[in-house]
Amino acid sequence: GSLSYKPEFHPAFTVSGRLKNAKAAILAQGLVPWLGLDVDGTSSASWGLGQDGERKPIWSARTSLVSGRLGGTDLIARFFEALGAVDPALAAADLAGLVPHPRSGAGTRVDKLFFELEKTGEEFEIGGLFLRAGEFQLDADGRFARGAGLQLEGTMALPAAAADKLQASAPW
């Protein structure tokens, strides 16, 4: 890690660092215990924190997770539920069986996950989020706030079997 402080810019300072090949569960519990994340696998992170000349907090991170899972959330199953709610013709309960399953426990299996965070007030801006699990891929940006939850916008690539089933059930 490193610390940067220049007296002429007092009270501004920054502290930055890098962690490589950490146990994801320990890293998540140490950095964001209030999220209650259930993860496993190997994680790396680079981060920066401090304050500007007006004492406004600065907080950013770039994080990756390799060969693990995000427990407590299943992005893929929720996507299929939402799709079926928008158009009942696209509702297919067995679609979740066609996507990669978690390596262990509940949640979303992760072959590779990368994202950038920047905190502004009580909201985290999420940029460059990329998640791959087998043929499933999510590329998104968004935000997270404790009261509002997670909001993502992006593109999702589904496994061929799931895409074929969706296409076959579409009313057009």
Protein backbone atom coordinates (compact mmCIF):
# COMPACT_ATOMS: atom_id res chain seq x y z
CA GLY A 1 0.00 0.00 0.00
CA SER A 2 0.92 3.66 -0.08
CA LEU A 3 -0.02 6.93 1.61
CA SER A 4 0.02 10.31 -0.11
CA TYR A 5 -0.15 13.56 1.87
CA LYS A 6 1.11 16.97 0.78
CA PRO A 7 0.97 19.71 3.44
CA GLU A 8 0.10 22.36 0.83
CA PHE A 9 -3.16 20.44 0.10
CA HIS A 10 -4.07 19.80 3.77
CA PRO A 11 -6.41 18.14 4.81
CA ALA A 12 -6.39 16.10 1.57
CA PHE A 13 -4.77 12.65 1.61
CA THR A 14 -5.11 9.27 -0.05
CA VAL A 15 -4.22 5.76 0.99
CA SER A 16 -4.14 3.02 -1.62
CA GLY A 17 -3.27 -0.63 -1.70
CA ARG A 18 -3.56 -3.99 -3.41
CA LEU A 19 -4.48 -7.41 -2.13
CA LYS A 20 -3.83 -10.50 -4.26
CA ASN A 21 -5.26 -14.04 -4.04
CA ALA A 22 -7.13 -13.52 -0.76
CA LYS A 23 -9.89 -15.82 0.45
CA ALA A 24 -13.03 -14.09 -0.82
CA ALA A 25 -15.11 -14.84 2.30
CA ILE A 26 -12.56 -13.18 4.60
CA LEU A 27 -12.12 -10.20 2.27
CA ALA A 28 -15.89 -9.58 1.98
CA GLN A 29 -16.43 -9.90 5.73
CA GLY A 30 -13.60 -7.47 6.42
CA LEU A 31 -14.58 -4.85 3.82
CA VAL A 32 -18.38 -4.90 3.68
CA PRO A 33 -19.72 -6.94 6.63
CA TRP A 34 -23.09 -5.12 6.50
CA LEU A 35 -23.79 -6.61 3.04
CA GLY A 36 -23.89 -10.13 4.49
CA LEU A 37 -22.22 -11.56 1.36
CA ASP A 38 -21.83 -15.31 1.21
CA VAL A 39 -18.90 -15.84 -1.18
CA ASP A 40 -16.13 -18.29 -1.69
CA GLY A 41 -13.25 -18.54 -4.10
CA THR A 42 -10.14 -16.42 -4.57
CA SER A 43 -10.36 -12.64 -4.66
CA SER A 44 -8.03 -9.77 -5.46
CA ALA A 45 -8.64 -6.07 -4.89
CA SER A 46 -7.00 -2.71 -5.34
CA TRP A 47 -8.42 0.21 -3.41
CA GLY A 48 -8.05 3.86 -2.61
CA LEU A 49 -9.52 5.94 0.18
CA GLY A 50 -8.98 9.32 1.71
CA GLN A 51 -10.46 12.79 1.55
CA ASP A 52 -10.19 15.87 -0.61
CA GLY A 53 -9.28 19.39 0.54
CA GLU A 54 -12.86 19.96 1.74
CA ARG A 55 -12.85 16.70 3.74
CA LYS A 56 -15.18 14.99 1.28
CA PRO A 57 -14.53 11.22 1.50
CA ILE A 58 -12.87 9.47 -1.44
CA TRP A 59 -13.48 5.72 -1.78
CA SER A 60 -12.91 3.42 -4.75
CA ALA A 61 -12.07 -0.22 -5.40
CA ARG A 62 -11.50 -2.69 -8.20
CA THR A 63 -12.28 -6.25 -7.23
CA SER A 64 -12.19 -9.68 -8.82
CA LEU A 65 -13.44 -13.12 -7.81
CA VAL A 66 -12.22 -16.29 -9.50
CA SER A 67 -13.66 -19.82 -9.27
CA GLY A 68 -16.21 -19.23 -6.54
CA ARG A 69 -19.81 -18.22 -6.03
CA LEU A 70 -21.91 -15.31 -4.87
CA GLY A 71 -24.29 -16.80 -2.33
CA GLY A 72 -27.52 -15.29 -1.10
CA THR A 73 -28.38 -14.06 -4.58
CA ASP A 74 -29.19 -15.83 -7.79
CA LEU A 75 -28.97 -13.32 -10.63
CA ILE A 76 -29.93 -15.87 -13.25
CA ALA A 77 -33.10 -17.23 -11.60
CA ARG A 78 -34.32 -13.69 -10.81
CA PHE A 79 -33.79 -12.73 -14.44
CA PHE A 80 -36.02 -15.59 -15.60
CA GLU A 81 -38.68 -14.70 -12.99
CA ALA A 82 -38.69 -11.08 -14.20
CA LEU A 83 -38.87 -12.16 -17.83
CA GLY A 84 -41.89 -14.38 -17.10
CA ALA A 85 -43.58 -11.55 -15.19
CA VAL A 86 -43.21 -9.19 -18.18
CA ASP A 87 -44.64 -11.70 -20.64
CA PRO A 88 -46.29 -14.90 -19.31
CA ALA A 89 -45.57 -16.59 -22.67
CA LEU A 90 -41.86 -16.40 -21.73
CA ALA A 91 -42.34 -17.93 -18.27
CA ALA A 92 -40.67 -21.33 -18.12
CA ALA A 93 -39.95 -22.81 -14.71
CA ASP A 94 -37.36 -25.24 -16.02
CA LEU A 95 -35.13 -22.55 -17.59
CA ALA A 96 -33.15 -22.19 -14.36
CA GLY A 97 -32.05 -25.81 -14.82
CA LEU A 98 -30.33 -24.89 -18.08
CA VAL A 99 -27.92 -22.34 -16.58
CA PRO A 100 -24.76 -23.00 -14.55
CA HIS A 101 -25.37 -24.04 -10.97
CA PRO A 102 -23.33 -22.75 -8.01
CA ARG A 103 -20.25 -24.76 -7.18
CA SER A 104 -21.65 -25.24 -3.67
CA GLY A 105 -24.59 -23.85 -1.72
CA ALA A 106 -27.11 -21.39 -3.11
CA GLY A 107 -26.28 -18.43 -5.28
CA THR A 108 -24.66 -17.65 -8.60
CA ARG A 109 -21.65 -19.68 -9.72
CA VAL A 110 -18.71 -17.49 -10.70
CA ASP A 111 -15.91 -18.50 -13.05
CA LYS A 112 -14.76 -14.87 -13.28
CA LEU A 113 -16.15 -11.68 -11.74
CA PHE A 114 -14.71 -8.19 -11.97
CA PHE A 115 -16.18 -4.84 -10.96
CA GLU A 116 -15.21 -1.32 -9.97
CA LEU A 117 -16.83 0.60 -7.11
CA GLU A 118 -16.81 4.24 -6.23
CA LYS A 119 -18.67 5.52 -3.18
CA THR A 120 -20.45 8.85 -3.36
CA GLY A 121 -22.36 9.59 -0.17
CA GLU A 122 -24.32 6.48 0.75
CA GLU A 123 -24.44 5.14 -2.81
CA PHE A 124 -21.91 2.91 -4.53
CA GLU A 125 -21.46 3.43 -8.26
CA ILE A 126 -20.69 0.11 -9.98
CA GLY A 127 -18.80 0.22 -13.25
CA GLY A 128 -17.25 -2.36 -15.49
CA LEU A 129 -19.08 -5.29 -13.88
CA PHE A 130 -18.35 -8.50 -15.74
CA LEU A 131 -19.51 -11.93 -14.56
CA ARG A 132 -18.95 -15.21 -16.38
CA ALA A 133 -20.27 -18.60 -15.32
CA GLY A 134 -19.95 -21.20 -18.03
CA GLU A 135 -21.80 -19.85 -21.10
CA PHE A 136 -23.68 -17.28 -19.00
CA GLN A 137 -22.20 -13.78 -19.12
CA LEU A 138 -23.29 -10.47 -17.58
CA ASP A 139 -21.79 -7.13 -18.55
CA ALA A 140 -23.29 -4.20 -16.61
CA ASP A 141 -23.00 -0.90 -14.78
CA GLY A 142 -25.21 0.38 -12.00
CA ARG A 143 -25.45 1.40 -8.39
CA PHE A 144 -26.05 0.01 -4.94
CA ALA A 145 -27.46 1.73 -1.86
CA ARG A 146 -28.58 0.05 1.35
CA GLY A 147 -32.12 1.42 1.08
CA ALA A 148 -32.57 1.05 -2.68
CA GLY A 149 -30.73 -2.23 -3.24
CA LEU A 150 -28.86 -3.23 -6.40
CA GLN A 151 -29.77 -1.68 -9.76
CA LEU A 152 -27.91 -2.87 -12.85
CA GLU A 153 -28.19 -2.05 -16.54
CA GLY A 154 -26.33 -4.06 -19.12
CA THR A 155 -26.35 -7.08 -21.37
CA MET A 156 -26.68 -10.76 -20.57
CA ALA A 157 -25.56 -13.67 -22.72
CA LEU A 158 -27.43 -16.88 -21.93
CA PRO A 159 -26.34 -20.46 -22.53
CA ALA A 160 -27.49 -21.69 -25.95
CA ALA A 161 -29.98 -24.20 -24.45
CA ALA A 162 -31.71 -21.47 -22.41
CA ALA A 163 -31.75 -19.03 -25.37
CA ASP A 164 -33.23 -21.71 -27.65
CA LYS A 165 -35.97 -22.49 -25.12
CA LEU A 166 -36.82 -18.80 -24.71
CA GLN A 167 -36.95 -18.30 -28.46
CA ALA A 168 -39.20 -21.32 -28.90
CA SER A 169 -41.64 -20.07 -26.24
CA ALA A 170 -41.81 -16.49 -27.54
CA PRO A 171 -45.18 -15.53 -29.03
CA TRP A 172 -43.69 -13.79 -32.11
